[in-house]
Every structure is written in structure tokens, then in C-alpha cells.
């Protein structure tokens, strides 16, 4: 389930940067050069600069802050909620750890 969610969300997240080339949804790349973006309201992730030198700059810090805000913290929150729910379900069924 974890891998399915990771793979399924990857393309959706690739469509959310506020710039770049977009993502090749629906049609495989060799047969179509058409690229897609998320709607403007969802394009909140900062575009990462190419190259190590550019990434290790003030722009790279902005990108990391953007990814922390829009990807990492929400993923952590969902993960913690699922762990809590799983523990609750386990206790109700009598399968809690001793």
C-alpha cells in the first residue's frame, strides 16, 4: 500500500511546482511531447534549481522550505494519524501489545 501511494502521488506532485516543464500524464513521452500542470491554485511548490551549486544557495533553502511545508509536514501528519488509527483499531480488537 505504501509503494502504491508513493508511486501514485509522485506524478501528482510533479504537476504542482510553480514552473518547470510540467509532467507527461496519460500519454507516454516518446509518442507525445504534451505536458501537464496542476491548476494554478495548486501550483505552490517552488521549482528546484538544477545543479548542486545552485541548489546549495539561498534559492535551495527556499525550495527546501517549500517542500517541507507542502509535502513533508502533511505526509508526516497523515502518517501519524494512520499510526494512531491503527493502534486504536488494534486495541479495540484485543490485539494490542502487552
N, C-alpha and C. Protein backbone atom coordinates (compact mmCIF):
# COMPACT_ATOMS: atom_id res chain seq x y z
N UNK A 1 0.82 -1.19 0.00
CA UNK A 1 0.00 0.00 0.00
C UNK A 1 0.88 1.26 0.00
N UNK A 2 1.96 1.21 0.81
CA UNK A 2 2.87 2.36 0.86
C UNK A 2 3.45 2.67 -0.52
N UNK A 3 3.93 1.65 -1.21
CA UNK A 3 4.51 1.85 -2.54
C UNK A 3 3.49 2.36 -3.54
N UNK A 4 2.27 1.85 -3.46
CA UNK A 4 1.21 2.32 -4.36
C UNK A 4 0.97 3.81 -4.16
N UNK A 5 0.84 4.23 -2.90
CA UNK A 5 0.60 5.64 -2.61
C UNK A 5 1.78 6.49 -3.06
N UNK A 6 3.00 6.01 -2.81
CA UNK A 6 4.19 6.76 -3.22
C UNK A 6 4.25 6.93 -4.74
N UNK A 7 3.98 5.87 -5.46
CA UNK A 7 4.03 5.93 -6.92
C UNK A 7 2.90 6.79 -7.47
N UNK A 8 1.70 6.62 -6.93
CA UNK A 8 0.55 7.38 -7.42
C UNK A 8 0.70 8.88 -7.12
N UNK A 9 1.26 9.22 -5.98
CA UNK A 9 1.38 10.64 -5.63
C UNK A 9 2.54 11.31 -6.35
N UNK A 10 3.50 10.55 -6.82
CA UNK A 10 4.68 11.15 -7.46
C UNK A 10 4.31 12.01 -8.67
N UNK A 11 3.51 11.46 -9.55
CA UNK A 11 3.10 12.22 -10.73
C UNK A 11 2.27 13.44 -10.38
N UNK A 12 1.37 13.28 -9.40
CA UNK A 12 0.54 14.41 -8.99
C UNK A 12 1.41 15.51 -8.40
N UNK A 13 2.39 15.16 -7.59
CA UNK A 13 3.28 16.17 -7.01
C UNK A 13 4.18 16.80 -8.06
N UNK A 14 4.55 16.05 -9.08
CA UNK A 14 5.37 16.61 -10.17
C UNK A 14 4.61 17.68 -10.95
N UNK A 15 3.30 17.67 -10.90
CA UNK A 15 2.49 18.66 -11.61
C UNK A 15 2.28 19.92 -10.79
N UNK A 16 2.72 19.95 -9.53
CA UNK A 16 2.43 21.06 -8.62
C UNK A 16 3.49 22.15 -8.50
N UNK A 17 4.68 22.06 -9.10
CA UNK A 17 5.61 23.18 -9.00
C UNK A 17 5.09 24.41 -9.73
N UNK A 18 5.56 25.58 -9.30
CA UNK A 18 5.10 26.83 -9.90
C UNK A 18 5.91 27.20 -11.15
N UNK A 19 6.53 26.26 -11.78
CA UNK A 19 7.28 26.48 -13.00
C UNK A 19 7.77 25.15 -13.55
N UNK A 20 8.75 25.19 -14.40
CA UNK A 20 9.29 23.95 -14.96
C UNK A 20 8.61 23.54 -16.24
N UNK A 21 8.79 22.28 -16.61
CA UNK A 21 8.29 21.79 -17.90
C UNK A 21 6.96 21.06 -17.81
N UNK A 22 6.48 20.80 -16.61
CA UNK A 22 5.25 20.03 -16.46
C UNK A 22 5.54 18.55 -16.44
N UNK A 23 4.49 17.75 -16.44
CA UNK A 23 4.63 16.31 -16.35
C UNK A 23 3.87 15.66 -17.52
N UNK A 24 4.40 14.57 -18.03
CA UNK A 24 3.78 13.87 -19.17
C UNK A 24 2.76 12.86 -18.64
N UNK A 25 1.56 13.34 -18.33
CA UNK A 25 0.48 12.46 -17.88
C UNK A 25 -0.19 11.79 -19.08
N UNK A 26 -0.78 10.68 -18.83
CA UNK A 26 -1.69 9.99 -19.75
C UNK A 26 -1.03 9.44 -21.01
N UNK A 27 -0.16 10.18 -21.63
CA UNK A 27 0.49 9.70 -22.85
C UNK A 27 1.97 9.51 -22.59
N UNK A 28 2.51 8.38 -22.98
CA UNK A 28 3.95 8.16 -22.77
C UNK A 28 4.79 9.16 -23.54
N UNK A 29 5.91 9.52 -22.98
CA UNK A 29 6.78 10.54 -23.52
C UNK A 29 7.20 10.33 -24.98
N UNK A 30 7.61 9.16 -25.40
CA UNK A 30 8.10 9.09 -26.79
C UNK A 30 7.05 9.41 -27.84
N UNK A 31 5.78 9.22 -27.52
CA UNK A 31 4.73 9.41 -28.51
C UNK A 31 4.07 10.78 -28.44
N UNK A 32 4.29 11.50 -27.39
CA UNK A 32 3.70 12.83 -27.26
C UNK A 32 4.61 13.71 -26.40
N UNK A 33 4.75 14.95 -26.81
CA UNK A 33 5.54 15.90 -26.03
C UNK A 33 4.65 16.79 -25.17
N UNK A 34 3.36 16.50 -25.13
CA UNK A 34 2.43 17.29 -24.35
C UNK A 34 2.72 17.15 -22.86
N UNK A 35 2.72 18.27 -22.15
CA UNK A 35 3.00 18.29 -20.71
C UNK A 35 1.82 18.92 -19.99
N UNK A 36 1.64 18.52 -18.76
CA UNK A 36 0.51 19.00 -17.97
C UNK A 36 0.98 19.62 -16.67
N UNK A 37 0.20 20.57 -16.18
CA UNK A 37 0.42 21.20 -14.89
C UNK A 37 -0.86 21.08 -14.08
N UNK A 38 -0.74 21.15 -12.75
CA UNK A 38 -1.90 21.22 -11.89
C UNK A 38 -2.56 22.59 -12.09
N UNK A 39 -3.81 22.73 -11.67
CA UNK A 39 -4.43 24.06 -11.74
C UNK A 39 -3.59 25.09 -10.97
N UNK A 40 -3.70 26.32 -11.38
CA UNK A 40 -2.86 27.40 -10.83
C UNK A 40 -2.91 27.45 -9.31
N UNK A 41 -4.06 27.24 -8.71
CA UNK A 41 -4.20 27.31 -7.24
C UNK A 41 -3.41 26.21 -6.53
N UNK A 42 -3.12 25.12 -7.22
CA UNK A 42 -2.38 24.00 -6.62
C UNK A 42 -0.89 24.03 -6.93
N UNK A 43 -0.45 24.98 -7.70
CA UNK A 43 0.97 25.05 -8.08
C UNK A 43 1.72 25.89 -7.06
N UNK A 44 1.94 25.28 -5.89
CA UNK A 44 2.51 26.00 -4.75
C UNK A 44 3.95 25.59 -4.42
N UNK A 45 4.43 24.51 -4.98
CA UNK A 45 5.77 24.01 -4.68
C UNK A 45 6.79 24.78 -5.53
N UNK A 46 7.82 25.29 -4.87
CA UNK A 46 8.86 26.04 -5.59
C UNK A 46 9.66 25.10 -6.50
N UNK A 47 10.02 25.59 -7.67
CA UNK A 47 10.81 24.82 -8.61
C UNK A 47 12.25 24.73 -8.12
N UNK A 48 12.80 23.53 -8.13
CA UNK A 48 14.16 23.32 -7.67
C UNK A 48 15.17 23.74 -8.74
N UNK A 49 16.21 24.44 -8.34
CA UNK A 49 17.24 24.80 -9.31
C UNK A 49 18.06 23.56 -9.72
N UNK A 50 18.53 23.57 -10.94
CA UNK A 50 19.33 22.46 -11.46
C UNK A 50 20.80 22.71 -11.11
N UNK A 51 21.46 21.70 -10.63
CA UNK A 51 22.88 21.81 -10.32
C UNK A 51 23.13 21.97 -8.83
N UNK A 52 24.16 21.33 -8.35
CA UNK A 52 24.48 21.34 -6.93
C UNK A 52 24.82 22.74 -6.44
N UNK A 53 25.57 23.48 -7.20
CA UNK A 53 25.95 24.84 -6.81
C UNK A 53 24.74 25.74 -6.62
N UNK A 54 23.78 25.66 -7.53
CA UNK A 54 22.57 26.48 -7.42
C UNK A 54 21.67 26.00 -6.28
N UNK A 55 21.66 24.67 -6.07
CA UNK A 55 20.81 24.13 -5.00
C UNK A 55 21.36 24.51 -3.63
N UNK A 56 22.67 24.58 -3.50
CA UNK A 56 23.30 24.95 -2.22
C UNK A 56 23.44 26.46 -2.12
N UNK A 57 22.35 27.15 -2.37
CA UNK A 57 22.32 28.62 -2.32
C UNK A 57 21.05 29.03 -1.57
N UNK A 58 20.81 30.32 -1.54
CA UNK A 58 19.60 30.83 -0.88
C UNK A 58 18.36 30.29 -1.58
N UNK A 59 18.42 30.13 -2.90
CA UNK A 59 17.28 29.58 -3.65
C UNK A 59 16.99 28.15 -3.21
N UNK A 60 18.02 27.37 -2.96
CA UNK A 60 17.84 26.00 -2.49
C UNK A 60 17.15 25.94 -1.14
N UNK A 61 17.45 26.89 -0.27
CA UNK A 61 16.79 26.94 1.04
C UNK A 61 15.30 27.23 0.87
N UNK A 62 14.97 28.13 -0.04
CA UNK A 62 13.56 28.44 -0.32
C UNK A 62 12.84 27.19 -0.82
N UNK A 63 13.49 26.43 -1.70
CA UNK A 63 12.89 25.20 -2.23
C UNK A 63 12.69 24.19 -1.12
N UNK A 64 13.68 24.01 -0.26
CA UNK A 64 13.55 23.05 0.84
C UNK A 64 12.43 23.46 1.80
N UNK A 65 12.31 24.74 2.08
CA UNK A 65 11.23 25.22 2.94
C UNK A 65 9.87 24.95 2.30
N UNK A 66 9.77 25.16 1.00
CA UNK A 66 8.53 24.90 0.28
C UNK A 66 8.16 23.42 0.33
N UNK A 67 9.13 22.55 0.11
CA UNK A 67 8.86 21.11 0.16
C UNK A 67 8.51 20.65 1.57
N UNK A 68 9.14 21.25 2.57
CA UNK A 68 8.80 20.92 3.96
C UNK A 68 7.35 21.31 4.24
N UNK A 69 6.97 22.49 3.81
CA UNK A 69 5.62 23.00 4.07
C UNK A 69 4.55 22.24 3.33
N UNK A 70 4.77 21.94 2.06
CA UNK A 70 3.71 21.39 1.22
C UNK A 70 3.75 19.88 1.03
N UNK A 71 4.88 19.24 1.37
CA UNK A 71 4.99 17.78 1.16
C UNK A 71 5.32 17.06 2.46
N UNK A 72 6.43 17.39 3.08
CA UNK A 72 6.92 16.62 4.23
C UNK A 72 6.00 16.71 5.45
N UNK A 73 5.61 17.93 5.87
CA UNK A 73 4.76 18.06 7.05
C UNK A 73 3.38 17.44 6.86
N UNK A 74 2.70 17.65 5.72
CA UNK A 74 1.42 16.96 5.53
C UNK A 74 1.58 15.44 5.50
N UNK A 75 2.65 14.93 4.89
CA UNK A 75 2.88 13.49 4.86
C UNK A 75 3.12 12.95 6.27
N UNK A 76 3.87 13.69 7.07
CA UNK A 76 4.11 13.29 8.46
C UNK A 76 2.81 13.28 9.25
N UNK A 77 1.98 14.30 9.07
CA UNK A 77 0.70 14.36 9.78
C UNK A 77 -0.20 13.19 9.41
N UNK A 78 -0.29 12.89 8.13
CA UNK A 78 -1.12 11.75 7.69
C UNK A 78 -0.56 10.45 8.24
N UNK A 79 0.74 10.29 8.22
CA UNK A 79 1.37 9.08 8.75
C UNK A 79 1.08 8.90 10.23
N UNK A 80 1.21 9.97 11.00
CA UNK A 80 0.92 9.89 12.44
C UNK A 80 -0.54 9.57 12.71
N UNK A 81 -1.44 10.13 11.92
CA UNK A 81 -2.86 9.82 12.07
C UNK A 81 -3.13 8.35 11.76
N UNK A 82 -2.50 7.83 10.71
CA UNK A 82 -2.71 6.42 10.36
C UNK A 82 -2.13 5.49 11.42
N UNK A 83 -0.98 5.83 11.98
CA UNK A 83 -0.40 5.01 13.05
C UNK A 83 -1.32 5.02 14.26
N UNK A 84 -1.84 6.19 14.62
CA UNK A 84 -2.78 6.29 15.74
C UNK A 84 -4.05 5.50 15.49
N UNK A 85 -4.58 5.59 14.29
CA UNK A 85 -5.80 4.84 13.95
C UNK A 85 -5.53 3.34 14.00
N UNK A 86 -4.39 2.93 13.51
CA UNK A 86 -4.06 1.51 13.52
C UNK A 86 -3.95 0.98 14.95
N UNK A 87 -3.34 1.77 15.82
CA UNK A 87 -3.23 1.36 17.23
C UNK A 87 -4.62 1.29 17.87
N UNK A 88 -5.48 2.25 17.56
CA UNK A 88 -6.84 2.24 18.09
C UNK A 88 -7.62 1.02 17.62
N UNK A 89 -7.51 0.69 16.34
CA UNK A 89 -8.21 -0.48 15.80
C UNK A 89 -7.67 -1.76 16.45
N UNK A 90 -6.36 -1.79 16.63
CA UNK A 90 -5.74 -2.97 17.22
C UNK A 90 -6.21 -3.17 18.66
N UNK A 91 -6.32 -2.11 19.43
CA UNK A 91 -6.76 -2.22 20.82
C UNK A 91 -8.22 -2.64 20.91
N UNK A 92 -9.06 -2.11 20.02
CA UNK A 92 -10.48 -2.49 20.03
C UNK A 92 -10.68 -3.96 19.74
N UNK A 93 -9.84 -4.51 18.91
CA UNK A 93 -9.96 -5.93 18.56
C UNK A 93 -9.24 -6.82 19.55
N UNK A 94 -8.60 -6.25 20.55
CA UNK A 94 -7.89 -7.04 21.54
C UNK A 94 -6.52 -7.51 21.10
N UNK A 95 -5.99 -6.89 20.05
CA UNK A 95 -4.69 -7.32 19.53
C UNK A 95 -3.57 -6.40 19.93
N UNK A 96 -3.79 -5.56 20.95
CA UNK A 96 -2.74 -4.64 21.39
C UNK A 96 -1.56 -5.37 22.00
N UNK A 97 -0.44 -4.72 21.96
CA UNK A 97 0.78 -5.32 22.53
C UNK A 97 0.73 -5.25 24.04
N UNK A 98 1.36 -6.20 24.68
CA UNK A 98 1.39 -6.24 26.16
C UNK A 98 2.43 -5.32 26.71
